[in-house]
Amino acid sequence: MAFALTVDKLDADGTIHVRHIFYGETIEECERRRDQHAEGCRAFGPALDDEMVIEESEEIDEIPEWSDDDDE
C-alpha cells in the first residue's frame, strides 16, 4: 500500500487553479515531500504557510510510475 496527499492551492478569491499530488509509502513521507517542495516554490510555500491550501490524503494500491508511452 501507498498514499497520495493531494494539496489544492487556493487563490485569494478562493478558486483553485493548482493541484499538487505527493506520493509516498507513508503519510509522513508524503508530508515530507510536500514540505520539501514548499521550501523551493515561491508560490506554494507561502500558500502552505498561510494555510491557503486544502489537503486530502488517501490510501492507494501503489505509487504510479511515469511512462512516455503515447498510447495510454
C-alpha atoms as a PDB file:
ATOM      1  CA  MET A   1       0.000   0.000   0.000  1.00  0.00           C
ATOM      2  CA  ALA A   2       0.977   3.609  -0.502  1.00  0.00           C
ATOM      3  CA  PHE A   3      -0.505   7.060  -0.005  1.00  0.00           C
ATOM      4  CA  ALA A   4      -1.359  10.104  -2.075  1.00  0.00           C
ATOM      5  CA  LEU A   5      -1.552  13.546  -0.483  1.00  0.00           C
ATOM      6  CA  THR A   6      -3.494  15.935  -2.697  1.00  0.00           C
ATOM      7  CA  VAL A   7      -2.943  19.616  -1.954  1.00  0.00           C
ATOM      8  CA  ASP A   8      -5.029  22.283  -3.698  1.00  0.00           C
ATOM      9  CA  LYS A   9      -3.615  25.819  -3.612  1.00  0.00           C
ATOM     10  CA  LEU A  10      -6.311  28.420  -3.049  1.00  0.00           C
ATOM     11  CA  ASP A  11      -6.110  31.744  -4.827  1.00  0.00           C
ATOM     12  CA  ALA A  12      -7.007  34.920  -2.928  1.00  0.00           C
ATOM     13  CA  ASP A  13     -10.607  34.678  -4.213  1.00  0.00           C
ATOM     14  CA  GLY A  14     -10.899  31.039  -3.098  1.00  0.00           C
ATOM     15  CA  THR A  15     -10.616  29.458  -6.530  1.00  0.00           C
ATOM     16  CA  ILE A  16      -8.308  26.529  -7.201  1.00  0.00           C
ATOM     17  CA  HIS A  17      -6.013  26.645 -10.231  1.00  0.00           C
ATOM     18  CA  VAL A  18      -3.146  24.482  -8.989  1.00  0.00           C
ATOM     19  CA  ARG A  19      -3.197  20.960  -7.549  1.00  0.00           C
ATOM     20  CA  HIS A  20      -0.180  19.054  -6.268  1.00  0.00           C
ATOM     21  CA  ILE A  21      -0.161  15.332  -5.518  1.00  0.00           C
ATOM     22  CA  PHE A  22       2.607  13.939  -3.321  1.00  0.00           C
ATOM     23  CA  TYR A  23       3.105  10.163  -3.177  1.00  0.00           C
ATOM     24  CA  GLY A  24       4.820   8.065  -0.538  1.00  0.00           C
ATOM     25  CA  GLU A  25       4.876   4.746   1.263  1.00  0.00           C
ATOM     26  CA  THR A  26       3.558   6.566   4.370  1.00  0.00           C
ATOM     27  CA  ILE A  27       1.620   9.773   5.025  1.00  0.00           C
ATOM     28  CA  GLU A  28       4.735  11.144   6.710  1.00  0.00           C
ATOM     29  CA  GLU A  29       6.722  10.606   3.514  1.00  0.00           C
ATOM     30  CA  CYS A  30       4.045  12.467   1.534  1.00  0.00           C
ATOM     31  CA  GLU A  31       4.166  15.343   4.021  1.00  0.00           C
ATOM     32  CA  ARG A  32       7.959  15.426   3.847  1.00  0.00           C
ATOM     33  CA  ARG A  33       7.792  15.679   0.051  1.00  0.00           C
ATOM     34  CA  ARG A  34       5.170  18.446   0.362  1.00  0.00           C
ATOM     35  CA  ASP A  35       7.392  20.386   2.756  1.00  0.00           C
ATOM     36  CA  GLN A  36      10.463  19.951   0.539  1.00  0.00           C
ATOM     37  CA  HIS A  37       8.529  21.275  -2.428  1.00  0.00           C
ATOM     38  CA  ALA A  38       7.225  24.210  -0.385  1.00  0.00           C
ATOM     39  CA  GLU A  39      10.775  25.219   0.564  1.00  0.00           C
ATOM     40  CA  GLY A  40      11.706  25.797  -3.069  1.00  0.00           C
ATOM     41  CA  CYS A  41       8.459  27.044  -4.597  1.00  0.00           C
ATOM     42  CA  ARG A  42       7.757  30.788  -4.405  1.00  0.00           C
ATOM     43  CA  ALA A  43       4.012  30.293  -4.885  1.00  0.00           C
ATOM     44  CA  PHE A  44       3.301  27.088  -2.982  1.00  0.00           C
ATOM     45  CA  GLY A  45       5.464  27.761   0.077  1.00  0.00           C
ATOM     46  CA  PRO A  46       3.685  30.962   1.159  1.00  0.00           C
ATOM     47  CA  ALA A  47       0.271  29.416   0.462  1.00  0.00           C
ATOM     48  CA  LEU A  48       1.124  26.475   2.721  1.00  0.00           C
ATOM     49  CA  ASP A  49       2.440  28.820   5.435  1.00  0.00           C
ATOM     50  CA  ASP A  50      -0.713  30.965   5.218  1.00  0.00           C
ATOM     51  CA  GLU A  51      -2.982  27.883   5.255  1.00  0.00           C
ATOM     52  CA  MET A  52      -4.340  28.743   1.807  1.00  0.00           C
ATOM     53  CA  VAL A  53      -4.438  25.068   0.843  1.00  0.00           C
ATOM     54  CA  ILE A  54      -6.874  22.197   1.063  1.00  0.00           C
ATOM     55  CA  GLU A  55      -5.295  18.811   1.801  1.00  0.00           C
ATOM     56  CA  GLU A  56      -6.750  15.361   1.370  1.00  0.00           C
ATOM     57  CA  SER A  57      -4.942  12.062   1.772  1.00  0.00           C
ATOM     58  CA  GLU A  58      -5.932   8.645   0.543  1.00  0.00           C
ATOM     59  CA  GLU A  59      -4.535   5.157   0.615  1.00  0.00           C
ATOM     60  CA  ILE A  60      -3.706   3.837  -2.851  1.00  0.00           C
ATOM     61  CA  ASP A  61      -2.597   0.455  -4.157  1.00  0.00           C
ATOM     62  CA  GLU A  62       0.769   1.634  -5.459  1.00  0.00           C
ATOM     63  CA  ILE A  63       2.735   4.724  -6.362  1.00  0.00           C
ATOM     64  CA  PRO A  64       2.189   5.443 -10.055  1.00  0.00           C
ATOM     65  CA  GLU A  65       5.101   5.170 -12.453  1.00  0.00           C
ATOM     66  CA  TRP A  66       5.791   7.626 -15.241  1.00  0.00           C
ATOM     67  CA  SER A  67       5.514   6.467 -18.806  1.00  0.00           C
ATOM     68  CA  ASP A  68       6.111   8.337 -22.045  1.00  0.00           C
ATOM     69  CA  ASP A  69       4.006   5.850 -23.976  1.00  0.00           C
ATOM     70  CA  ASP A  70       1.689   7.896 -26.190  1.00  0.00           C
ATOM     71  CA  ASP A  71      -0.769   5.004 -26.415  1.00  0.00           C
ATOM     72  CA  GLU A  72      -2.040   5.479 -22.861  1.00  0.00           C
END
